[in-house]
Amino acid sequence: MTTETYTERLTKVRTAIDKILSGSQSWRFGDRQYTRADLPTLYKMEERFERLAAKERATTASGGRHRIRYIGF
């Protein structure tokens, strides 16, 4: 099992969207027919993965640690 980052997943979702928009929603090999996910579902996935990828980048940029600051009152 490989661990994908959200940025990698976002790239895959955008590739699927591009393929659908270019006219390959479904295709047939022999007697089997394959259909990609519908656009509304892919757009929801894209929005979700954009948010998660942004958090992922922010965590990587900050060194991956949560910063705690104690303030005296």
Protein backbone atom coordinates (compact mmCIF):
# COMPACT_ATOMS: atom_id res chain seq x y z
CA MET A 1 0.00 0.00 0.00
CA THR A 2 1.40 3.36 -0.99
CA THR A 3 0.73 6.56 0.85
CA GLU A 4 -0.32 9.38 -1.44
CA THR A 5 -0.21 13.00 -0.49
CA TYR A 6 -3.31 15.12 -0.96
CA THR A 7 -1.44 17.05 -3.63
CA GLU A 8 -0.95 13.82 -5.61
CA ARG A 9 -4.62 12.93 -5.20
CA LEU A 10 -5.61 16.41 -6.33
CA THR A 11 -3.51 15.94 -9.46
CA LYS A 12 -5.28 12.65 -10.22
CA VAL A 13 -8.73 14.19 -9.75
CA ARG A 14 -7.85 17.10 -12.03
CA THR A 15 -6.55 14.64 -14.65
CA ALA A 16 -9.85 12.75 -14.49
CA ILE A 17 -11.78 16.02 -14.89
CA ASP A 18 -9.66 16.95 -17.92
CA LYS A 19 -10.27 13.56 -19.52
CA ILE A 20 -14.03 13.87 -19.06
CA LEU A 21 -14.03 17.40 -20.46
CA SER A 22 -12.08 16.19 -23.50
CA GLY A 23 -14.83 13.68 -24.26
CA SER A 24 -13.81 10.42 -22.63
CA GLN A 25 -16.54 9.99 -20.01
CA SER A 26 -16.96 6.33 -20.92
CA TRP A 27 -15.27 3.81 -23.19
CA ARG A 28 -15.60 0.19 -24.20
CA PHE A 29 -13.08 -2.68 -24.37
CA GLY A 30 -14.60 -5.70 -26.03
CA ASP A 31 -17.83 -6.49 -24.22
CA ARG A 32 -17.04 -4.34 -21.14
CA GLN A 33 -17.92 -0.69 -20.71
CA TYR A 34 -16.13 1.63 -18.28
CA THR A 35 -17.43 4.96 -17.01
CA ARG A 36 -15.55 7.62 -15.04
CA ALA A 37 -17.04 9.37 -12.03
CA ASP A 38 -19.45 12.17 -12.85
CA LEU A 39 -18.25 15.77 -12.90
CA PRO A 40 -20.15 17.03 -9.82
CA THR A 41 -18.54 14.29 -7.71
CA LEU A 42 -15.10 15.08 -9.08
CA TYR A 43 -15.58 18.81 -8.47
CA LYS A 44 -16.46 18.09 -4.81
CA MET A 45 -13.38 15.89 -4.50
CA GLU A 46 -11.28 18.63 -6.09
CA GLU A 47 -12.49 21.22 -3.56
CA ARG A 48 -11.83 18.87 -0.65
CA PHE A 49 -8.36 17.89 -1.84
CA GLU A 50 -7.48 21.55 -2.50
CA ARG A 51 -8.20 22.38 1.14
CA LEU A 52 -6.32 19.34 2.43
CA ALA A 53 -3.35 19.94 0.10
CA ALA A 54 -3.13 23.54 1.34
CA LYS A 55 -3.00 22.31 4.94
CA GLU A 56 -0.41 19.75 3.92
CA ARG A 57 1.77 22.44 2.32
CA ALA A 58 1.39 24.69 5.37
CA THR A 59 2.47 21.87 7.67
CA THR A 60 5.47 21.11 5.49
CA ALA A 61 6.45 24.79 5.31
CA SER A 62 6.31 25.19 9.10
CA GLY A 63 8.57 22.20 9.65
CA GLY A 64 5.73 19.84 10.45
CA ARG A 65 5.48 20.84 14.07
CA HIS A 66 2.76 22.57 15.99
CA ARG A 67 4.02 25.71 17.61
CA ILE A 68 2.85 26.48 21.14
CA ARG A 69 3.38 29.89 22.63
CA TYR A 70 2.71 30.53 26.29
CA ILE A 71 1.63 34.04 27.13
CA GLY A 72 1.72 35.32 30.66
CA PHE A 73 -1.14 37.36 32.05
